[in-house]
Amino acid sequence: MIERIETGTRMSKIVKHNGVAYLCGQVGSGATVAEQTRDCLSRVEALLAHAGSSPEKMLQVIVWLADMADFAEMNTVWDAWVPHGHAPARACGEARLARVDLKVEIIVTAAC
């Protein structure tokens, strides 16, 4: 069974299937990549809770940065947030994001 949560015309915020939660890409508010990353991860945490999951159950994370020069700054926030011993498989790349003010977008897949 596929369960779609907070579904709109274009996308669902969460799709659950066979014990796995797929979150839509999350962005955050703020002027710096650190601020945006903190806000983004707060949103990820809320969606994971809504899906019946948690950061400890993350399987895979894809991080998109508008500028790879922000990699170290984003990682400082990420490293402080990710639960010790529960780091997911992760990839990070550079991409043009949906708005020019966005610096980071994070996509999470987690067990639930």
C-alpha atoms as a PDB file:
ATOM      1  CA  MET A   1       0.000   0.000   0.000  1.00  0.00           C
ATOM      2  CA  ILE A   2       1.181   3.514  -0.806  1.00  0.00           C
ATOM      3  CA  GLU A   3       0.257   6.300   1.619  1.00  0.00           C
ATOM      4  CA  ARG A   4       0.546   9.917   0.487  1.00  0.00           C
ATOM      5  CA  ILE A   5       0.594  12.628   3.145  1.00  0.00           C
ATOM      6  CA  GLU A   6      -0.118  16.317   2.533  1.00  0.00           C
ATOM      7  CA  THR A   7      -0.724  15.738  -1.146  1.00  0.00           C
ATOM      8  CA  GLY A   8      -1.265  18.621  -3.516  1.00  0.00           C
ATOM      9  CA  THR A   9      -1.556  18.890  -7.279  1.00  0.00           C
ATOM     10  CA  ARG A  10       2.214  18.819  -7.844  1.00  0.00           C
ATOM     11  CA  MET A  11       3.566  16.650  -5.035  1.00  0.00           C
ATOM     12  CA  SER A  12       3.136  15.023  -1.658  1.00  0.00           C
ATOM     13  CA  LYS A  13       5.254  16.126   1.295  1.00  0.00           C
ATOM     14  CA  ILE A  14       5.627  12.489   2.364  1.00  0.00           C
ATOM     15  CA  VAL A  15       5.081   9.199   0.524  1.00  0.00           C
ATOM     16  CA  LYS A  16       5.221   5.980   2.565  1.00  0.00           C
ATOM     17  CA  HIS A  17       5.596   2.503   1.066  1.00  0.00           C
ATOM     18  CA  ASN A  18       6.726  -0.808   2.575  1.00  0.00           C
ATOM     19  CA  GLY A  19       8.014   0.815   5.765  1.00  0.00           C
ATOM     20  CA  VAL A  20       9.956   3.565   3.998  1.00  0.00           C
ATOM     21  CA  ALA A  21       9.165   7.294   4.077  1.00  0.00           C
ATOM     22  CA  TYR A  22      10.225   9.466   1.137  1.00  0.00           C
ATOM     23  CA  LEU A  23      10.246  13.188   1.944  1.00  0.00           C
ATOM     24  CA  CYS A  24       9.938  15.934  -0.620  1.00  0.00           C
ATOM     25  CA  GLY A  25      12.934  18.249  -0.859  1.00  0.00           C
ATOM     26  CA  GLN A  26      13.183  20.686   2.036  1.00  0.00           C
ATOM     27  CA  VAL A  27      14.604  24.186   2.031  1.00  0.00           C
ATOM     28  CA  GLY A  28      14.983  26.649   4.879  1.00  0.00           C
ATOM     29  CA  SER A  29      14.876  30.343   5.677  1.00  0.00           C
ATOM     30  CA  GLY A  30      17.806  32.555   6.544  1.00  0.00           C
ATOM     31  CA  ALA A  31      20.533  34.689   5.046  1.00  0.00           C
ATOM     32  CA  THR A  32      23.404  32.188   5.370  1.00  0.00           C
ATOM     33  CA  VAL A  33      23.780  28.549   4.385  1.00  0.00           C
ATOM     34  CA  ALA A  34      24.118  27.690   8.100  1.00  0.00           C
ATOM     35  CA  GLU A  35      20.810  29.404   8.939  1.00  0.00           C
ATOM     36  CA  GLN A  36      19.055  27.780   5.985  1.00  0.00           C
ATOM     37  CA  THR A  37      20.499  24.359   6.848  1.00  0.00           C
ATOM     38  CA  ARG A  38      19.366  24.600  10.498  1.00  0.00           C
ATOM     39  CA  ASP A  39      15.850  25.623   9.439  1.00  0.00           C
ATOM     40  CA  CYS A  40      15.748  22.965   6.723  1.00  0.00           C
ATOM     41  CA  LEU A  41      16.775  20.221   9.162  1.00  0.00           C
ATOM     42  CA  SER A  42      14.114  21.394  11.599  1.00  0.00           C
ATOM     43  CA  ARG A  43      11.547  20.931   8.825  1.00  0.00           C
ATOM     44  CA  VAL A  44      13.003  17.502   7.994  1.00  0.00           C
ATOM     45  CA  GLU A  45      12.695  16.486  11.640  1.00  0.00           C
ATOM     46  CA  ALA A  46       9.031  17.574  11.747  1.00  0.00           C
ATOM     47  CA  LEU A  47       8.205  15.643   8.554  1.00  0.00           C
ATOM     48  CA  LEU A  48      10.009  12.549   9.826  1.00  0.00           C
ATOM     49  CA  ALA A  49       7.978  12.683  13.047  1.00  0.00           C
ATOM     50  CA  HIS A  50       4.779  13.095  11.003  1.00  0.00           C
ATOM     51  CA  ALA A  51       5.772  10.010   8.993  1.00  0.00           C
ATOM     52  CA  GLY A  52       6.374   7.995  12.172  1.00  0.00           C
ATOM     53  CA  SER A  53      10.138   8.144  11.743  1.00  0.00           C
ATOM     54  CA  SER A  54      13.108  10.068  13.143  1.00  0.00           C
ATOM     55  CA  PRO A  55      16.625  11.221  12.221  1.00  0.00           C
ATOM     56  CA  GLU A  56      17.961   7.949  13.675  1.00  0.00           C
ATOM     57  CA  LYS A  57      16.049   6.061  10.961  1.00  0.00           C
ATOM     58  CA  MET A  58      17.344   7.998   7.951  1.00  0.00           C
ATOM     59  CA  LEU A  59      18.540   5.717   5.161  1.00  0.00           C
ATOM     60  CA  GLN A  60      19.685   8.145   2.482  1.00  0.00           C
ATOM     61  CA  VAL A  61      20.062  11.900   2.214  1.00  0.00           C
ATOM     62  CA  ILE A  62      20.759  13.984  -0.874  1.00  0.00           C
ATOM     63  CA  VAL A  63      21.980  17.529  -0.290  1.00  0.00           C
ATOM     64  CA  TRP A  64      21.931  20.123  -3.047  1.00  0.00           C
ATOM     65  CA  LEU A  65      23.944  23.310  -2.565  1.00  0.00           C
ATOM     66  CA  ALA A  66      23.627  26.357  -4.793  1.00  0.00           C
ATOM     67  CA  ASP A  67      27.391  26.796  -4.379  1.00  0.00           C
ATOM     68  CA  MET A  68      29.832  24.041  -3.348  1.00  0.00           C
ATOM     69  CA  ALA A  69      31.881  26.764  -1.647  1.00  0.00           C
ATOM     70  CA  ASP A  70      29.258  26.437   1.135  1.00  0.00           C
ATOM     71  CA  PHE A  71      30.044  22.723   1.685  1.00  0.00           C
ATOM     72  CA  ALA A  72      32.044  23.168   4.913  1.00  0.00           C
ATOM     73  CA  GLU A  73      29.514  25.599   6.442  1.00  0.00           C
ATOM     74  CA  MET A  74      26.600  23.271   5.679  1.00  0.00           C
ATOM     75  CA  ASN A  75      28.547  20.282   7.054  1.00  0.00           C
ATOM     76  CA  THR A  76      29.192  22.085  10.356  1.00  0.00           C
ATOM     77  CA  VAL A  77      25.428  22.296  10.922  1.00  0.00           C
ATOM     78  CA  TRP A  78      24.804  18.796   9.538  1.00  0.00           C
ATOM     79  CA  ASP A  79      27.491  17.179  11.711  1.00  0.00           C
ATOM     80  CA  ALA A  80      26.035  18.763  14.868  1.00  0.00           C
ATOM     81  CA  TRP A  81      22.507  17.608  13.938  1.00  0.00           C
ATOM     82  CA  VAL A  82      22.888  14.054  12.613  1.00  0.00           C
ATOM     83  CA  PRO A  83      22.499  11.525  15.457  1.00  0.00           C
ATOM     84  CA  HIS A  84      25.846   9.989  16.462  1.00  0.00           C
ATOM     85  CA  GLY A  85      26.142   6.487  15.030  1.00  0.00           C
ATOM     86  CA  HIS A  86      23.132   6.953  12.724  1.00  0.00           C
ATOM     87  CA  ALA A  87      24.615   8.781   9.732  1.00  0.00           C
ATOM     88  CA  PRO A  88      22.723   7.881   6.541  1.00  0.00           C
ATOM     89  CA  ALA A  89      24.192   7.200   3.124  1.00  0.00           C
ATOM     90  CA  ARG A  90      24.615  10.730   1.762  1.00  0.00           C
ATOM     91  CA  ALA A  91      25.459  12.549  -1.435  1.00  0.00           C
ATOM     92  CA  CYS A  92      26.012  16.260  -1.968  1.00  0.00           C
ATOM     93  CA  GLY A  93      26.141  18.187  -5.197  1.00  0.00           C
ATOM     94  CA  GLU A  94      25.791  21.643  -6.646  1.00  0.00           C
ATOM     95  CA  ALA A  95      22.596  22.645  -8.434  1.00  0.00           C
ATOM     96  CA  ARG A  96      20.647  25.713  -9.399  1.00  0.00           C
ATOM     97  CA  LEU A  97      17.809  25.736  -6.862  1.00  0.00           C
ATOM     98  CA  ALA A  98      14.217  26.892  -7.392  1.00  0.00           C
ATOM     99  CA  ARG A  99      14.841  30.468  -6.174  1.00  0.00           C
ATOM    100  CA  VAL A 100      18.009  32.573  -6.221  1.00  0.00           C
ATOM    101  CA  ASP A 101      17.850  33.145  -2.439  1.00  0.00           C
ATOM    102  CA  LEU A 102      17.977  29.396  -1.684  1.00  0.00           C
ATOM    103  CA  LYS A 103      21.367  27.997  -0.704  1.00  0.00           C
ATOM    104  CA  VAL A 104      20.544  24.400   0.300  1.00  0.00           C
ATOM    105  CA  GLU A 105      17.900  21.740  -0.346  1.00  0.00           C
ATOM    106  CA  ILE A 106      17.808  18.380   1.438  1.00  0.00           C
ATOM    107  CA  ILE A 107      15.973  15.222   0.328  1.00  0.00           C
ATOM    108  CA  VAL A 108      15.522  12.416   2.870  1.00  0.00           C
ATOM    109  CA  THR A 109      14.506   8.762   2.672  1.00  0.00           C
ATOM    110  CA  ALA A 110      13.950   7.036   6.021  1.00  0.00           C
ATOM    111  CA  ALA A 111      12.608   3.835   7.548  1.00  0.00           C
ATOM    112  CA  CYS A 112       9.359   4.258   9.451  1.00  0.00           C
END
